Amino acid sequence: MSEPVAPGSVSQNRSIMIVLAYLWLLALVPLLVEKDDREVQWHAKHGIVLMVAEIVLWIAFSIVTTIISMASGGLGCVLTLFMPFFSLAILVVHVMAIVKGVNGSRLTPFSSDTA
């Protein structure tokens, strides 16, 4: 795979690992492989936090639309039409995080202490 790096140094795979950090379960790859690179570890942890937040929001949105659909008939179906916009917003956040990470900065819309 990759050769071990000294703590605090930059690995050759840093850009690839940062991209993987924001691709859902693939965030486990940099988390487990690049243990010595603190920046990659930070991005991998935040990628996992982002993934969990997306899953929770998706489940909550599904439950709310189901309840509203059962209570009102068609209104839940209308709310389901907003799901593509939610998915697009998630994609935009991932792309922004990847671009900022590869360029050497961090996307921190929430508290950095979460991860």
PDB file of N, CA and C in Angstrom:
ATOM      1  N   MET A   1       0.834  -1.184   0.000  1.00  0.00           N
ATOM      2  CA  MET A   1       0.000   0.000   0.000  1.00  0.00           C
ATOM      3  C   MET A   1       0.875   1.243   0.000  1.00  0.00           C
ATOM      4  N   SER A   2       0.812   1.995   1.065  1.00  0.00           N
ATOM      5  CA  SER A   2       1.635   3.193   1.148  1.00  0.00           C
ATOM      6  C   SER A   2       2.705   2.988   2.208  1.00  0.00           C
ATOM      7  N   GLU A   3       3.770   3.704   2.032  1.00  0.00           N
ATOM      8  CA  GLU A   3       4.867   3.579   2.982  1.00  0.00           C
ATOM      9  C   GLU A   3       4.552   4.378   4.228  1.00  0.00           C
ATOM     10  N   PRO A   4       5.006   3.910   5.389  1.00  0.00           N
ATOM     11  CA  PRO A   4       4.720   4.645   6.624  1.00  0.00           C
ATOM     12  C   PRO A   4       5.345   6.032   6.594  1.00  0.00           C
ATOM     13  N   VAL A   5       4.636   6.957   7.187  1.00  0.00           N
ATOM     14  CA  VAL A   5       5.134   8.329   7.264  1.00  0.00           C
ATOM     15  C   VAL A   5       5.341   8.692   8.723  1.00  0.00           C
ATOM     16  N   ALA A   6       6.231   9.616   8.932  1.00  0.00           N
ATOM     17  CA  ALA A   6       6.483  10.082  10.295  1.00  0.00           C
ATOM     18  C   ALA A   6       5.293  10.906  10.764  1.00  0.00           C
ATOM     19  N   PRO A   7       5.000  10.877  12.069  1.00  0.00           N
ATOM     20  CA  PRO A   7       3.882  11.668  12.582  1.00  0.00           C
ATOM     21  C   PRO A   7       4.037  13.136  12.222  1.00  0.00           C
ATOM     22  N   GLY A   8       2.952  13.721  11.737  1.00  0.00           N
ATOM     23  CA  GLY A   8       2.975  15.128  11.373  1.00  0.00           C
ATOM     24  C   GLY A   8       3.407  15.389   9.950  1.00  0.00           C
ATOM     25  N   SER A   9       3.912  14.377   9.236  1.00  0.00           N
ATOM     26  CA  SER A   9       4.324  14.593   7.857  1.00  0.00           C
ATOM     27  C   SER A   9       3.153  14.300   6.925  1.00  0.00           C
ATOM     28  N   VAL A  10       3.311  14.673   5.675  1.00  0.00           N
ATOM     29  CA  VAL A  10       2.252  14.543   4.685  1.00  0.00           C
ATOM     30  C   VAL A  10       2.466  13.273   3.881  1.00  0.00           C
ATOM     31  N   SER A  11       1.438  12.450   3.781  1.00  0.00           N
ATOM     32  CA  SER A  11       1.553  11.229   2.988  1.00  0.00           C
ATOM     33  C   SER A  11       1.336  11.553   1.517  1.00  0.00           C
ATOM     34  N   GLN A  12       1.761  10.658   0.648  1.00  0.00           N
ATOM     35  CA  GLN A  12       1.618  10.863  -0.790  1.00  0.00           C
ATOM     36  C   GLN A  12       0.159  10.726  -1.223  1.00  0.00           C
ATOM     37  N   ASN A  13      -0.630  10.019  -0.456  1.00  0.00           N
ATOM     38  CA  ASN A  13      -2.016   9.747  -0.811  1.00  0.00           C
ATOM     39  C   ASN A  13      -2.988  10.745  -0.180  1.00  0.00           C
ATOM     40  N   ARG A  14      -2.515  11.845   0.318  1.00  0.00           N
ATOM     41  CA  ARG A  14      -3.368  12.747   1.100  1.00  0.00           C
ATOM     42  C   ARG A  14      -4.606  13.201   0.319  1.00  0.00           C
ATOM     43  N   SER A  15      -4.448  13.627  -0.909  1.00  0.00           N
ATOM     44  CA  SER A  15      -5.594  14.114  -1.686  1.00  0.00           C
ATOM     45  C   SER A  15      -6.612  13.006  -1.919  1.00  0.00           C
ATOM     46  N   ILE A  16      -6.142  11.831  -2.246  1.00  0.00           N
ATOM     47  CA  ILE A  16      -7.048  10.697  -2.480  1.00  0.00           C
ATOM     48  C   ILE A  16      -7.783  10.348  -1.193  1.00  0.00           C
ATOM     49  N   MET A  17      -7.068  10.333  -0.094  1.00  0.00           N
ATOM     50  CA  MET A  17      -7.684   9.987   1.182  1.00  0.00           C
ATOM     51  C   MET A  17      -8.702  11.038   1.629  1.00  0.00           C
ATOM     52  N   ILE A  18      -8.441  12.303   1.328  1.00  0.00           N
ATOM     53  CA  ILE A  18      -9.404  13.352   1.684  1.00  0.00           C
ATOM     54  C   ILE A  18     -10.660  13.213   0.843  1.00  0.00           C
ATOM     55  N   VAL A  19     -10.519  12.873  -0.417  1.00  0.00           N
ATOM     56  CA  VAL A  19     -11.694  12.638  -1.260  1.00  0.00           C
ATOM     57  C   VAL A  19     -12.491  11.459  -0.714  1.00  0.00           C
ATOM     58  N   LEU A  20     -11.808  10.372  -0.375  1.00  0.00           N
ATOM     59  CA  LEU A  20     -12.493   9.196   0.174  1.00  0.00           C
ATOM     60  C   LEU A  20     -13.187   9.508   1.497  1.00  0.00           C
ATOM     61  N   ALA A  21     -12.642  10.452   2.243  1.00  0.00           N
ATOM     62  CA  ALA A  21     -13.199  10.782   3.557  1.00  0.00           C
ATOM     63  C   ALA A  21     -14.628  11.299   3.478  1.00  0.00           C
ATOM     64  N   TYR A  22     -15.022  11.840   2.347  1.00  0.00           N
ATOM     65  CA  TYR A  22     -16.366  12.395   2.218  1.00  0.00           C
ATOM     66  C   TYR A  22     -17.272  11.562   1.327  1.00  0.00           C
ATOM     67  N   LEU A  23     -16.901  10.309   1.087  1.00  0.00           N
ATOM     68  CA  LEU A  23     -17.720   9.421   0.263  1.00  0.00           C
ATOM     69  C   LEU A  23     -18.309   8.308   1.120  1.00  0.00           C
ATOM     70  N   TRP A  24     -19.184   8.681   2.008  1.00  0.00           N
ATOM     71  CA  TRP A  24     -19.934   7.797   2.891  1.00  0.00           C
ATOM     72  C   TRP A  24     -19.056   6.768   3.581  1.00  0.00           C
ATOM     73  N   LEU A  25     -19.333   5.490   3.409  1.00  0.00           N
ATOM     74  CA  LEU A  25     -18.600   4.450   4.144  1.00  0.00           C
ATOM     75  C   LEU A  25     -17.134   4.366   3.746  1.00  0.00           C
ATOM     76  N   LEU A  26     -16.780   4.908   2.596  1.00  0.00           N
ATOM     77  CA  LEU A  26     -15.375   4.914   2.194  1.00  0.00           C
ATOM     78  C   LEU A  26     -14.537   5.786   3.130  1.00  0.00           C
ATOM     79  N   ALA A  27     -15.176   6.552   4.000  1.00  0.00           N
ATOM     80  CA  ALA A  27     -14.451   7.353   4.989  1.00  0.00           C
ATOM     81  C   ALA A  27     -13.688   6.468   5.963  1.00  0.00           C
ATOM     82  N   LEU A  28     -14.085   5.214   6.056  1.00  0.00           N
ATOM     83  CA  LEU A  28     -13.366   4.295   6.935  1.00  0.00           C
ATOM     84  C   LEU A  28     -11.975   3.970   6.405  1.00  0.00           C
ATOM     85  N   VAL A  29     -11.798   4.036   5.082  1.00  0.00           N
ATOM     86  CA  VAL A  29     -10.489   3.725   4.491  1.00  0.00           C
ATOM     87  C   VAL A  29      -9.421   4.680   5.004  1.00  0.00           C
ATOM     88  N   PRO A  30      -9.569   6.011   4.835  1.00  0.00           N
ATOM     89  CA  PRO A  30      -8.533   6.892   5.368  1.00  0.00           C
ATOM     90  C   PRO A  30      -8.434   6.848   6.893  1.00  0.00           C
ATOM     91  N   LEU A  31      -9.559   6.591   7.558  1.00  0.00           N
ATOM     92  CA  LEU A  31      -9.532   6.531   9.016  1.00  0.00           C
ATOM     93  C   LEU A  31      -8.655   5.380   9.497  1.00  0.00           C
ATOM     94  N   LEU A  32      -8.686   4.272   8.788  1.00  0.00           N
ATOM     95  CA  LEU A  32      -7.929   3.093   9.201  1.00  0.00           C
ATOM     96  C   LEU A  32      -6.536   3.017   8.583  1.00  0.00           C
ATOM     97  N   VAL A  33      -6.346   3.600   7.396  1.00  0.00           N
ATOM     98  CA  VAL A  33      -5.072   3.464   6.689  1.00  0.00           C
ATOM     99  C   VAL A  33      -4.088   4.567   7.064  1.00  0.00           C
ATOM    100  N   GLU A  34      -4.536   5.795   7.104  1.00  0.00           N
ATOM    101  CA  GLU A  34      -3.644   6.941   7.343  1.00  0.00           C
ATOM    102  C   GLU A  34      -3.717   7.392   8.796  1.00  0.00           C
ATOM    103  N   LYS A  35      -3.287   6.563   9.698  1.00  0.00           N
ATOM    104  CA  LYS A  35      -3.378   6.883  11.127  1.00  0.00           C
ATOM    105  C   LYS A  35      -2.393   7.957  11.574  1.00  0.00           C
ATOM    106  N   ASP A  36      -1.335   8.158  10.815  1.00  0.00           N
ATOM    107  CA  ASP A  36      -0.319   9.123  11.223  1.00  0.00           C
ATOM    108  C   ASP A  36      -0.575  10.531  10.699  1.00  0.00           C
ATOM    109  N   ASP A  37      -1.429  10.662   9.707  1.00  0.00           N
ATOM    110  CA  ASP A  37      -1.709  11.973   9.114  1.00  0.00           C
ATOM    111  C   ASP A  37      -2.924  12.579   9.818  1.00  0.00           C
ATOM    112  N   ARG A  38      -2.679  13.574  10.665  1.00  0.00           N
ATOM    113  CA  ARG A  38      -3.752  14.161  11.470  1.00  0.00           C
ATOM    114  C   ARG A  38      -4.799  14.869  10.616  1.00  0.00           C
ATOM    115  N   GLU A  39      -4.379  15.473   9.522  1.00  0.00           N
ATOM    116  CA  GLU A  39      -5.335  16.175   8.648  1.00  0.00           C
ATOM    117  C   GLU A  39      -6.295  15.185   7.979  1.00  0.00           C
ATOM    118  N   VAL A  40      -5.763  14.079   7.502  1.00  0.00           N
ATOM    119  CA  VAL A  40      -6.609  13.054   6.886  1.00  0.00           C
ATOM    120  C   VAL A  40      -7.541  12.456   7.931  1.00  0.00           C
ATOM    121  N   GLN A  41      -7.047  12.242   9.131  1.00  0.00           N
ATOM    122  CA  GLN A  41      -7.882  11.722  10.211  1.00  0.00           C
ATOM    123  C   GLN A  41      -9.031  12.689  10.514  1.00  0.00           C
ATOM    124  N   TRP A  42      -8.727  13.982  10.537  1.00  0.00           N
ATOM    125  CA  TRP A  42      -9.761  14.985  10.805  1.00  0.00           C
ATOM    126  C   TRP A  42     -10.851  14.919   9.742  1.00  0.00           C
ATOM    127  N   HIS A  43     -10.447  14.873   8.472  1.00  0.00           N
ATOM    128  CA  HIS A  43     -11.425  14.821   7.387  1.00  0.00           C
ATOM    129  C   HIS A  43     -12.215  13.515   7.417  1.00  0.00           C
ATOM    130  N   ALA A  44     -11.571  12.404   7.731  1.00  0.00           N
ATOM    131  CA  ALA A  44     -12.277  11.119   7.800  1.00  0.00           C
ATOM    132  C   ALA A  44     -13.318  11.133   8.921  1.00  0.00           C
ATOM    133  N   LYS A  45     -12.961  11.663  10.068  1.00  0.00           N
ATOM    134  CA  LYS A  45     -13.912  11.738  11.180  1.00  0.00           C
ATOM    135  C   LYS A  45     -15.095  12.643  10.834  1.00  0.00           C
ATOM    136  N   HIS A  46     -14.820  13.761  10.204  1.00  0.00           N
ATOM    137  CA  HIS A  46     -15.909  14.658   9.832  1.00  0.00           C
ATOM    138  C   HIS A  46     -16.750  14.085   8.699  1.00  0.00           C
ATOM    139  N   GLY A  47     -16.139  13.300   7.831  1.00  0.00           N
ATOM    140  CA  GLY A  47     -16.910  12.617   6.802  1.00  0.00           C
ATOM    141  C   GLY A  47     -17.882  11.623   7.411  1.00  0.00           C
ATOM    142  N   ILE A  48     -17.459  10.935   8.454  1.00  0.00           N
ATOM    143  CA  ILE A  48     -18.335   9.979   9.140  1.00  0.00           C
ATOM    144  C   ILE A  48     -19.453  10.714   9.881  1.00  0.00           C
ATOM    145  N   VAL A  49     -19.127  11.824  10.539  1.00  0.00           N
ATOM    146  CA  VAL A  49     -20.154  12.619  11.221  1.00  0.00           C
ATOM    147  C   VAL A  49     -21.173  13.139  10.206  1.00  0.00           C
ATOM    148  N   LEU A  50     -20.697  13.583   9.052  1.00  0.00           N
ATOM    149  CA  LEU A  50     -21.588  14.062   8.000  1.00  0.00           C
ATOM    150  C   LEU A  50     -22.493  12.933   7.504  1.00  0.00           C
ATOM    151  N   MET A  51     -21.945  11.746   7.334  1.00  0.00           N
ATOM    152  CA  MET A  51     -22.725  10.595   6.892  1.00  0.00           C
ATOM    153  C   MET A  51     -23.828  10.257   7.893  1.00  0.00           C
ATOM    154  N   VAL A  52     -23.489  10.224   9.161  1.00  0.00           N
ATOM    155  CA  VAL A  52     -24.477   9.907  10.198  1.00  0.00           C
ATOM    156  C   VAL A  52     -25.566  10.987  10.242  1.00  0.00           C
ATOM    157  N   ALA A  53     -25.180  12.248  10.115  1.00  0.00           N
ATOM    158  CA  ALA A  53     -26.157  13.337  10.115  1.00  0.00           C
ATOM    159  C   ALA A  53     -27.106  13.212   8.918  1.00  0.00           C
ATOM    160  N   GLU A  54     -26.580  12.838   7.769  1.00  0.00           N
ATOM    161  CA  GLU A  54     -27.421  12.663   6.584  1.00  0.00           C
ATOM    162  C   GLU A  54     -28.411  11.520   6.779  1.00  0.00           C
ATOM    163  N   ILE A  55     -27.958  10.429   7.346  1.00  0.00           N
ATOM    164  CA  ILE A  55     -28.844   9.285   7.575  1.00  0.00           C
ATOM    165  C   ILE A  55     -29.958   9.670   8.543  1.00  0.00           C
ATOM    166  N   VAL A  56     -29.606  10.357   9.620  1.00  0.00           N
ATOM    167  CA  VAL A  56     -30.612  10.777  10.603  1.00  0.00           C
ATOM    168  C   VAL A  56     -31.625  11.726   9.959  1.00  0.00           C
ATOM    169  N   LEU A  57     -31.157  12.693   9.184  1.00  0.00           N
ATOM    170  CA  LEU A  57     -32.063  13.625   8.524  1.00  0.00           C
ATOM    171  C   LEU A  57     -32.957  12.922   7.507  1.00  0.00           C
ATOM    172  N   TRP A  58     -32.401  11.976   6.767  1.00  0.00           N
ATOM    173  CA  TRP A  58     -33.180  11.239   5.786  1.00  0.00           C
ATOM    174  C   TRP A  58     -34.283  10.422   6.466  1.00  0.00           C
ATOM    175  N   ILE A  59     -33.940   9.757   7.560  1.00  0.00           N
ATOM    176  CA  ILE A  59     -34.940   8.969   8.295  1.00  0.00           C
ATOM    177  C   ILE A  59     -36.015   9.889   8.867  1.00  0.00           C
ATOM    178  N   ALA A  60     -35.616  11.009   9.449  1.00  0.00           N
ATOM    179  CA  ALA A  60     -36.589  11.952  10.014  1.00  0.00           C
ATOM    180  C   ALA A  60     -37.508  12.501   8.926  1.00  0.00           C
ATOM    181  N   PHE A  61     -36.959  12.856   7.780  1.00  0.00           N
ATOM    182  CA  PHE A  61     -37.762  13.366   6.674  1.00  0.00           C
ATOM    183  C   PHE A  61     -38.747  12.302   6.190  1.00  0.00           C
ATOM    184  N   SER A  62     -38.299  11.058   6.112  1.00  0.00           N
ATOM    185  CA  SER A  62     -39.183   9.971   5.681  1.00  0.00           C
ATOM    186  C   SER A  62     -40.319   9.747   6.670  1.00  0.00           C
ATOM    187  N   ILE A  63     -40.011   9.788   7.951  1.00  0.00           N
ATOM    188  CA  ILE A  63     -41.049   9.593   8.973  1.00  0.00           C
ATOM    189  C   ILE A  63     -42.067  10.735   8.926  1.00  0.00           C
ATOM    190  N   VAL A  64     -41.578  11.963   8.831  1.00  0.00           N
ATOM    191  CA  VAL A  64     -42.483  13.118   8.798  1.00  0.00           C
ATOM    192  C   VAL A  64     -43.375  13.065   7.568  1.00  0.00           C
ATOM    193  N   THR A  65     -42.802  12.781   6.405  1.00  0.00           N
ATOM    194  CA  THR A  65     -43.632  12.731   5.198  1.00  0.00           C
ATOM    195  C   THR A  65     -44.628  11.577   5.248  1.00  0.00           C
ATOM    196  N   THR A  66     -44.257  10.459   5.857  1.00  0.00           N
ATOM    197  CA  THR A  66     -45.184   9.334   5.986  1.00  0.00           C
ATOM    198  C   THR A  66     -46.347   9.695   6.902  1.00  0.00           C
ATOM    199  N   ILE A  67     -46.040  10.322   8.030  1.00  0.00           N
ATOM    200  CA  ILE A  67     -47.097  10.710   8.974  1.00  0.00           C
ATOM    201  C   ILE A  67     -48.027  11.736   8.337  1.00  0.00           C
ATOM    202  N   ILE A  68     -47.453  12.723   7.678  1.00  0.00           N
ATOM    203  CA  ILE A  68     -48.279  13.745   7.034  1.00  0.00           C
ATOM    204  C   ILE A  68     -49.108  13.129   5.913  1.00  0.00           C
ATOM    205  N   SER A  69     -48.536  12.206   5.183  1.00  0.00           N
ATOM    206  CA  SER A  69     -49.266  11.547   4.102  1.00  0.00           C
ATOM    207  C   SER A  69     -50.440  10.739   4.640  1.00  0.00           C
ATOM    208  N   MET A  70     -50.238  10.053   5.754  1.00  0.00           N
ATOM    209  CA  MET A  70     -51.316   9.266   6.348  1.00  0.00           C
ATOM    210  C   MET A  70     -52.414  10.167   6.922  1.00  0.00           C
ATOM    211  N   ALA A  71     -52.014  11.325   7.444  1.00  0.00           N
ATOM    212  CA  ALA A  71     -52.984  12.220   8.071  1.00  0.00           C
ATOM    213  C   ALA A  71     -53.764  13.047   7.060  1.00  0.00           C
ATOM    214  N   SER A  72     -53.090  13.453   5.988  1.00  0.00           N
ATOM    215  CA  SER A  72     -53.755  14.397   5.087  1.00  0.00           C
ATOM    216  C   SER A  72     -54.004  13.860   3.683  1.00  0.00           C
ATOM    217  N   GLY A  73     -53.537  12.708   3.380  1.00  0.00           N
ATOM    218  CA  GLY A  73     -53.761  12.171   2.043  1.00  0.00           C
ATOM    219  C   GLY A  73     -52.622  12.496   1.101  1.00  0.00           C
ATOM    220  N   GLY A  74     -52.695  13.588   0.394  1.00  0.00           N
ATOM    221  CA  GLY A  74     -51.724  13.883  -0.651  1.00  0.00           C
ATOM    222  C   GLY A  74     -50.616  14.828  -0.276  1.00  0.00           C
ATOM    223  N   LEU A  75     -50.710  15.475   0.867  1.00  0.00           N
ATOM    224  CA  LEU A  75     -49.692  16.458   1.233  1.00  0.00           C
ATOM    225  C   LEU A  75     -48.322  15.812   1.440  1.00  0.00           C
ATOM    226  N   GLY A  76     -48.301  14.603   1.968  1.00  0.00           N
ATOM    227  CA  GLY A  76     -47.029  13.896   2.149  1.00  0.00           C
ATOM    228  C   GLY A  76     -46.337  13.615   0.832  1.00  0.00           C
ATOM    229  N   CYS A  77     -47.136  13.318  -0.189  1.00  0.00           N
ATOM    230  CA  CYS A  77     -46.571  13.087  -1.522  1.00  0.00           C
ATOM    231  C   CYS A  77     -45.964  14.367  -2.086  1.00  0.00           C
ATOM    232  N   VAL A  78     -46.607  15.484  -1.805  1.00  0.00           N
ATOM    233  CA  VAL A  78     -46.084  16.772  -2.265  1.00  0.00           C
ATOM    234  C   VAL A  78     -44.757  17.064  -1.557  1.00  0.00           C
ATOM    235  N   LEU A  79     -44.687  16.779  -0.265  1.00  0.00           N
ATOM    236  CA  LEU A  79     -43.440  17.001   0.481  1.00  0.00           C
ATOM    237  C   LEU A  79     -42.320  16.100  -0.034  1.00  0.00           C
ATOM    238  N   THR A  80     -42.670  14.909  -0.511  1.00  0.00           N
ATOM    239  CA  THR A  80     -41.666  13.990  -1.042  1.00  0.00           C
ATOM    240  C   THR A  80     -41.001  14.579  -2.279  1.00  0.00           C
ATOM    241  N   LEU A  81     -41.652  15.479  -2.964  1.00  0.00           N
ATOM    242  CA  LEU A  81     -41.060  16.119  -4.134  1.00  0.00           C
ATOM    243  C   LEU A  81     -39.839  16.975  -3.767  1.00  0.00           C
ATOM    244  N   PHE A  82     -39.711  17.325  -2.490  1.00  0.00           N
ATOM    245  CA  PHE A  82     -38.557  18.108  -2.048  1.00  0.00           C
ATOM    246  C   PHE A  82     -37.314  17.240  -1.807  1.00  0.00           C
ATOM    247  N   MET A  83     -37.461  15.933  -1.826  1.00  0.00           N
ATOM    248  CA  MET A  83     -36.333  15.034  -1.561  1.00  0.00           C
ATOM    249  C   MET A  83     -35.174  15.216  -2.555  1.00  0.00           C
ATOM    250  N   PRO A  84     -35.425  15.412  -3.847  1.00  0.00           N
ATOM    251  CA  PRO A  84     -34.285  15.656  -4.750  1.00  0.00           C
ATOM    252  C   PRO A  84     -33.494  16.911  -4.386  1.00  0.00           C
ATOM    253  N   PHE A  85     -34.170  17.938  -3.887  1.00  0.00           N
ATOM    254  CA  PHE A  85     -33.465  19.153  -3.475  1.00  0.00           C
ATOM    255  C   PHE A  85     -32.605  18.888  -2.241  1.00  0.00           C
ATOM    256  N   PHE A  86     -33.110  18.066  -1.343  1.00  0.00           N
ATOM    257  CA  PHE A  86     -32.343  17.655  -0.164  1.00  0.00           C
ATOM    258  C   PHE A  86     -31.098  16.878  -0.602  1.00  0.00           C
ATOM    259  N   SER A  87     -31.274  15.971  -1.549  1.00  0.00           N
ATOM    260  CA  SER A  87     -30.143  15.190  -2.061  1.00  0.00           C
ATOM    261  C   SER A  87     -29.128  16.076  -2.766  1.00  0.00           C
ATOM    262  N   LEU A  88     -29.604  17.060  -3.501  1.00  0.00           N
ATOM    263  CA  LEU A  88     -28.707  17.993  -4.182  1.00  0.00           C
ATOM    264  C   LEU A  88     -27.927  18.824  -3.165  1.00  0.00           C
ATOM    265  N   ALA A  89     -28.583  19.247  -2.095  1.00  0.00           N
ATOM    266  CA  ALA A  89     -27.901  20.015  -1.052  1.00  0.00           C
ATOM    267  C   ALA A  89     -26.798  19.171  -0.399  1.00  0.00           C
ATOM    268  N   ILE A  90     -27.075  17.896  -0.175  1.00  0.00           N
ATOM    269  CA  ILE A  90     -26.069  16.997   0.398  1.00  0.00           C
ATOM    270  C   ILE A  90     -24.877  16.867  -0.549  1.00  0.00           C
ATOM    271  N   LEU A  91     -25.156  16.712  -1.835  1.00  0.00           N
ATOM    272  CA  LEU A  91     -24.091  16.600  -2.824  1.00  0.00           C
ATOM    273  C   LEU A  91     -23.230  17.864  -2.848  1.00  0.00           C
ATOM    274  N   VAL A  92     -23.861  19.024  -2.758  1.00  0.00           N
ATOM    275  CA  VAL A  92     -23.120  20.290  -2.746  1.00  0.00           C
ATOM    276  C   VAL A  92     -22.212  20.374  -1.526  1.00  0.00           C
ATOM    277  N   VAL A  93     -22.714  19.965  -0.367  1.00  0.00           N
ATOM    278  CA  VAL A  93     -21.888  19.991   0.851  1.00  0.00           C
ATOM    279  C   VAL A  93     -20.693  19.060   0.698  1.00  0.00           C
ATOM    280  N   HIS A  94     -20.905  17.876   0.137  1.00  0.00           N
ATOM    281  CA  HIS A  94     -19.797  16.937  -0.062  1.00  0.00           C
ATOM    282  C   HIS A  94     -18.748  17.501  -1.023  1.00  0.00           C
ATOM    283  N   VAL A  95     -19.195  18.075  -2.126  1.00  0.00           N
ATOM    284  CA  VAL A  95     -18.255  18.635  -3.099  1.00  0.00           C
ATOM    285  C   VAL A  95     -17.486  19.797  -2.485  1.00  0.00           C
ATOM    286  N   MET A  96     -18.164  20.657  -1.738  1.00  0.00           N
ATOM    287  CA  MET A  96     -17.475  21.774  -1.079  1.00  0.00           C
ATOM    288  C   MET A  96     -16.441  21.265  -0.080  1.00  0.00           C
ATOM    289  N   ALA A  97     -16.792  20.234   0.693  1.00  0.00           N
ATOM    290  CA  ALA A  97     -15.855  19.682   1.675  1.00  0.00           C
ATOM    291  C   ALA A  97     -14.653  19.062   0.985  1.00  0.00           C
ATOM    292  N   ILE A  98     -14.883  18.359  -0.123  1.00  0.00           N
ATOM    293  CA  ILE A  98     -13.770  17.739  -0.856  1.00  0.00           C
ATOM    294  C   ILE A  98     -12.853  18.811  -1.429  1.00  0.00           C
ATOM    295  N   VAL A  99     -13.423  19.819  -2.069  1.00  0.00           N
ATOM    296  CA  VAL A  99     -12.604  20.876  -2.677  1.00  0.00           C
ATOM    297  C   VAL A  99     -11.799  21.614  -1.615  1.00  0.00           C
ATOM    298  N   LYS A 100     -12.441  21.984  -0.523  1.00  0.00           N
ATOM    299  CA  LYS A 100     -11.716  22.686   0.549  1.00  0.00           C
ATOM    300  C   LYS A 100     -10.631  21.783   1.152  1.00  0.00           C
ATOM    301  N   GLY A 101     -10.938  20.505   1.348  1.00  0.00           N
ATOM    302  CA  GLY A 101      -9.959  19.589   1.921  1.00  0.00           C
ATOM    303  C   GLY A 101      -8.748  19.383   1.038  1.00  0.00           C
ATOM    304  N   VAL A 102      -8.976  19.221  -0.252  1.00  0.00           N
ATOM    305  CA  VAL A 102      -7.868  19.020  -1.181  1.00  0.00           C
ATOM    306  C   VAL A 102      -7.019  20.282  -1.288  1.00  0.00           C
ATOM    307  N   ASN A 103      -7.651  21.443  -1.135  1.00  0.00           N
ATOM    308  CA  ASN A 103      -6.913  22.707  -1.184  1.00  0.00           C
ATOM    309  C   ASN A 103      -6.237  23.064   0.136  1.00  0.00           C
ATOM    310  N   GLY A 104      -6.394  22.233   1.146  1.00  0.00           N
ATOM    311  CA  GLY A 104      -5.672  22.448   2.396  1.00  0.00           C
ATOM    312  C   GLY A 104      -6.446  23.136   3.495  1.00  0.00           C
ATOM    313  N   SER A 105      -7.719  23.419   3.283  1.00  0.00           N
ATOM    314  CA  SER A 105      -8.500  24.045   4.353  1.00  0.00           C
ATOM    315  C   SER A 105      -9.607  23.090   4.790  1.00  0.00           C
ATOM    316  N   ARG A 106     -10.457  23.560   5.663  1.00  0.00           N
ATOM    317  CA  ARG A 106     -11.505  22.709   6.231  1.00  0.00           C
ATOM    318  C   ARG A 106     -12.860  23.382   6.094  1.00  0.00           C
ATOM    319  N   LEU A 107     -13.878  22.560   5.833  1.00  0.00           N
ATOM    320  CA  LEU A 107     -15.249  23.043   5.816  1.00  0.00           C
ATOM    321  C   LEU A 107     -15.827  22.755   7.197  1.00  0.00           C
ATOM    322  N   THR A 108     -16.128  23.794   7.950  1.00  0.00           N
ATOM    323  CA  THR A 108     -16.631  23.608   9.296  1.00  0.00           C
ATOM    324  C   THR A 108     -17.950  24.354   9.481  1.00  0.00           C
ATOM    325  N   PRO A 109     -19.055  23.805   8.899  1.00  0.00           N
ATOM    326  CA  PRO A 109     -20.327  24.460   9.104  1.00  0.00           C
ATOM    327  C   PRO A 109     -20.865  24.280  10.519  1.00  0.00           C
ATOM    328  N   PHE A 110     -20.395  23.246  11.213  1.00  0.00           N
ATOM    329  CA  PHE A 110     -20.825  22.961  12.570  1.00  0.00           C
ATOM    330  C   PHE A 110     -19.614  23.047  13.473  1.00  0.00           C
ATOM    331  N   SER A 111     -19.820  22.755  14.708  1.00  0.00           N
ATOM    332  CA  SER A 111     -18.724  22.765  15.670  1.00  0.00           C
ATOM    333  C   SER A 111     -17.684  21.732  15.296  1.00  0.00           C
ATOM    334  N   SER A 112     -16.448  22.106  15.363  1.00  0.00           N
ATOM    335  CA  SER A 112     -15.361  21.199  15.020  1.00  0.00           C
ATOM    336  C   SER A 112     -15.141  20.139  16.087  1.00  0.00           C
ATOM    337  N   ASP A 113     -15.789  20.295  17.240  1.00  0.00           N
ATOM    338  CA  ASP A 113     -15.614  19.334  18.325  1.00  0.00           C
ATOM    339  C   ASP A 113     -16.479  18.102  18.150  1.00  0.00           C
ATOM    340  N   THR A 114     -17.368  18.085  17.141  1.00  0.00           N
ATOM    341  CA  THR A 114     -18.276  16.973  16.943  1.00  0.00           C
ATOM    342  C   THR A 114     -17.535  15.678  16.686  1.00  0.00           C
ATOM    343  N   ALA A 115     -16.500  15.736  15.866  1.00  0.00           N
ATOM    344  CA  ALA A 115     -15.759  14.505  15.548  1.00  0.00           C
ATOM    345  C   ALA A 115     -14.740  14.307  16.612  1.00  0.00           C
TER     346      ALA A 115
END
